[in-house]
Amino acid sequence: MKYEIGNKIRKYRKESGLTQEQLADRINVTKSRVSNWEQGINRPDADIIGNICRALNVSPSDLLDVRLTDDELNIHEKKVIKAYRTKKDLQQAVDILLGIDDNPTE
């Protein structure tokens, strides 16, 4: 089975002007793991997707090609997401409160 996420990782990595090694360094994995993802040999674990998105400056929706419809989020949830995205200085505190670990161990 060939995984399609690798094509997206390669596309966004190249758009970001990064080598496989540079991306690997940013997300604390080996270059061979990035290479394997891009070749479709395997796919990144769910807990590392966030790191990839941050390193490539791309949304998880774009990387995973998943779209939420308007009816999946209520108005309050949309406001929370918008505020989170615009207040970079508070993101770490929110992540801690929600128990979101951005530096998972491999």
C-alpha atoms as a PDB file:
ATOM      1  CA  MET A   1       0.000   0.000   0.000  1.00  0.00           C
ATOM      2  CA  LYS A   2       1.332   3.428  -0.930  1.00  0.00           C
ATOM      3  CA  TYR A   3       0.416   6.312   1.356  1.00  0.00           C
ATOM      4  CA  GLU A   4      -0.649   9.553  -0.314  1.00  0.00           C
ATOM      5  CA  ILE A   5       0.314  11.957   2.481  1.00  0.00           C
ATOM      6  CA  GLY A   6       3.929  11.728   1.306  1.00  0.00           C
ATOM      7  CA  ASN A   7       3.131  13.678  -1.865  1.00  0.00           C
ATOM      8  CA  LYS A   8       1.721  16.496   0.241  1.00  0.00           C
ATOM      9  CA  ILE A   9       4.706  16.506   2.585  1.00  0.00           C
ATOM     10  CA  ARG A  10       7.078  16.698  -0.397  1.00  0.00           C
ATOM     11  CA  LYS A  11       5.042  19.462  -2.039  1.00  0.00           C
ATOM     12  CA  TYR A  12       4.905  21.669   1.064  1.00  0.00           C
ATOM     13  CA  ARG A  13       8.523  20.909   2.004  1.00  0.00           C
ATOM     14  CA  LYS A  14       9.706  22.061  -1.403  1.00  0.00           C
ATOM     15  CA  GLU A  15       7.460  25.139  -1.273  1.00  0.00           C
ATOM     16  CA  SER A  16       9.080  25.957   2.067  1.00  0.00           C
ATOM     17  CA  GLY A  17      12.529  25.615   0.508  1.00  0.00           C
ATOM     18  CA  LEU A  18      13.561  22.848   2.903  1.00  0.00           C
ATOM     19  CA  THR A  19      15.586  19.732   2.252  1.00  0.00           C
ATOM     20  CA  GLN A  20      14.479  16.428   3.729  1.00  0.00           C
ATOM     21  CA  GLU A  21      17.278  16.737   6.243  1.00  0.00           C
ATOM     22  CA  GLN A  22      16.224  20.240   7.301  1.00  0.00           C
ATOM     23  CA  LEU A  23      12.620  19.125   7.786  1.00  0.00           C
ATOM     24  CA  ALA A  24      13.807  16.091   9.747  1.00  0.00           C
ATOM     25  CA  ASP A  25      15.906  18.319  12.017  1.00  0.00           C
ATOM     26  CA  ARG A  26      12.960  20.645  12.662  1.00  0.00           C
ATOM     27  CA  ILE A  27      10.676  17.816  13.753  1.00  0.00           C
ATOM     28  CA  ASN A  28      13.320  15.669  15.473  1.00  0.00           C
ATOM     29  CA  VAL A  29      13.180  12.621  13.214  1.00  0.00           C
ATOM     30  CA  THR A  30      15.699  11.055  10.869  1.00  0.00           C
ATOM     31  CA  LYS A  31      16.052  12.050   7.236  1.00  0.00           C
ATOM     32  CA  SER A  32      15.201   8.473   6.257  1.00  0.00           C
ATOM     33  CA  ARG A  33      11.801   8.770   7.964  1.00  0.00           C
ATOM     34  CA  VAL A  34      10.994  11.878   5.923  1.00  0.00           C
ATOM     35  CA  SER A  35      12.202  10.097   2.801  1.00  0.00           C
ATOM     36  CA  ASN A  36      10.027   7.058   3.548  1.00  0.00           C
ATOM     37  CA  TRP A  37       6.973   9.277   4.052  1.00  0.00           C
ATOM     38  CA  GLU A  38       7.577  11.084   0.786  1.00  0.00           C
ATOM     39  CA  GLN A  39       8.046   7.814  -1.083  1.00  0.00           C
ATOM     40  CA  GLY A  40       4.792   6.485   0.348  1.00  0.00           C
ATOM     41  CA  ILE A  41       6.544   3.599   2.082  1.00  0.00           C
ATOM     42  CA  ASN A  42       4.941   4.532   5.386  1.00  0.00           C
ATOM     43  CA  ARG A  43       3.216   7.532   6.924  1.00  0.00           C
ATOM     44  CA  PRO A  44       3.920   9.741   9.906  1.00  0.00           C
ATOM     45  CA  ASP A  45       2.344   8.829  13.213  1.00  0.00           C
ATOM     46  CA  ALA A  46      -0.643  10.937  14.194  1.00  0.00           C
ATOM     47  CA  ASP A  47       1.267  12.521  17.072  1.00  0.00           C
ATOM     48  CA  ILE A  48       3.866  14.024  14.720  1.00  0.00           C
ATOM     49  CA  ILE A  49       1.457  15.554  12.176  1.00  0.00           C
ATOM     50  CA  GLY A  50       1.252  18.784  14.201  1.00  0.00           C
ATOM     51  CA  ASN A  51       5.036  19.133  14.179  1.00  0.00           C
ATOM     52  CA  ILE A  52       5.132  18.616  10.419  1.00  0.00           C
ATOM     53  CA  CYS A  53       2.421  21.224   9.901  1.00  0.00           C
ATOM     54  CA  ARG A  54       4.234  23.786  12.052  1.00  0.00           C
ATOM     55  CA  ALA A  55       7.575  23.117  10.346  1.00  0.00           C
ATOM     56  CA  LEU A  56       5.997  23.512   6.899  1.00  0.00           C
ATOM     57  CA  ASN A  57       3.663  26.330   7.952  1.00  0.00           C
ATOM     58  CA  VAL A  58       0.632  24.468   6.624  1.00  0.00           C
ATOM     59  CA  SER A  59      -2.681  23.553   8.213  1.00  0.00           C
ATOM     60  CA  PRO A  60      -3.494  19.954   9.093  1.00  0.00           C
ATOM     61  CA  SER A  61      -6.511  20.264   6.785  1.00  0.00           C
ATOM     62  CA  ASP A  62      -4.236  21.052   3.852  1.00  0.00           C
ATOM     63  CA  LEU A  63      -1.671  18.395   4.691  1.00  0.00           C
ATOM     64  CA  LEU A  64      -4.275  15.684   5.242  1.00  0.00           C
ATOM     65  CA  ASP A  65      -6.643  16.997   2.562  1.00  0.00           C
ATOM     66  CA  VAL A  66      -9.497  17.043   5.053  1.00  0.00           C
ATOM     67  CA  ARG A  67     -12.132  19.731   5.017  1.00  0.00           C
ATOM     68  CA  LEU A  68     -14.588  20.516   7.758  1.00  0.00           C
ATOM     69  CA  THR A  69     -17.961  21.718   6.669  1.00  0.00           C
ATOM     70  CA  ASP A  70     -19.439  24.801   8.298  1.00  0.00           C
ATOM     71  CA  ASP A  71     -21.975  22.738  10.206  1.00  0.00           C
ATOM     72  CA  GLU A  72     -19.268  20.757  12.014  1.00  0.00           C
ATOM     73  CA  LEU A  73     -18.151  23.746  14.097  1.00  0.00           C
ATOM     74  CA  ASN A  74     -20.447  26.019  16.042  1.00  0.00           C
ATOM     75  CA  ILE A  75     -19.910  29.794  16.175  1.00  0.00           C
ATOM     76  CA  HIS A  76     -18.112  29.648  19.530  1.00  0.00           C
ATOM     77  CA  GLU A  77     -15.720  26.939  18.294  1.00  0.00           C
ATOM     78  CA  LYS A  78     -14.907  28.998  15.206  1.00  0.00           C
ATOM     79  CA  LYS A  79     -14.154  32.037  17.393  1.00  0.00           C
ATOM     80  CA  VAL A  80     -11.900  29.962  19.640  1.00  0.00           C
ATOM     81  CA  ILE A  81      -9.953  28.614  16.670  1.00  0.00           C
ATOM     82  CA  LYS A  82      -9.606  32.070  15.127  1.00  0.00           C
ATOM     83  CA  ALA A  83      -8.408  33.556  18.421  1.00  0.00           C
ATOM     84  CA  TYR A  84      -5.939  30.686  18.917  1.00  0.00           C
ATOM     85  CA  ARG A  85      -4.453  31.238  15.470  1.00  0.00           C
ATOM     86  CA  THR A  86      -4.030  34.997  15.944  1.00  0.00           C
ATOM     87  CA  LYS A  87      -2.611  34.950  19.482  1.00  0.00           C
ATOM     88  CA  LYS A  88       0.711  33.172  19.029  1.00  0.00           C
ATOM     89  CA  ASP A  89       1.919  34.211  22.484  1.00  0.00           C
ATOM     90  CA  LEU A  90      -0.945  32.322  24.154  1.00  0.00           C
ATOM     91  CA  GLN A  91      -0.809  29.134  22.082  1.00  0.00           C
ATOM     92  CA  GLN A  92       1.686  27.375  24.344  1.00  0.00           C
ATOM     93  CA  ALA A  93      -0.396  28.122  27.439  1.00  0.00           C
ATOM     94  CA  VAL A  94      -3.555  26.846  25.746  1.00  0.00           C
ATOM     95  CA  ASP A  95      -1.737  23.700  24.615  1.00  0.00           C
ATOM     96  CA  ILE A  96      -0.604  23.071  28.197  1.00  0.00           C
ATOM     97  CA  LEU A  97      -4.112  23.577  29.561  1.00  0.00           C
ATOM     98  CA  LEU A  98      -5.527  21.179  26.965  1.00  0.00           C
ATOM     99  CA  GLY A  99      -2.785  18.622  27.499  1.00  0.00           C
ATOM    100  CA  ILE A 100      -1.459  18.917  23.957  1.00  0.00           C
ATOM    101  CA  ASP A 101       2.164  17.767  23.762  1.00  0.00           C
ATOM    102  CA  ASP A 102       4.051  19.349  20.850  1.00  0.00           C
ATOM    103  CA  ASN A 103       7.249  17.435  21.557  1.00  0.00           C
ATOM    104  CA  PRO A 104       6.267  13.773  21.722  1.00  0.00           C
ATOM    105  CA  THR A 105       9.010  11.255  22.258  1.00  0.00           C
ATOM    106  CA  GLU A 106       9.636   8.751  19.529  1.00  0.00           C
END
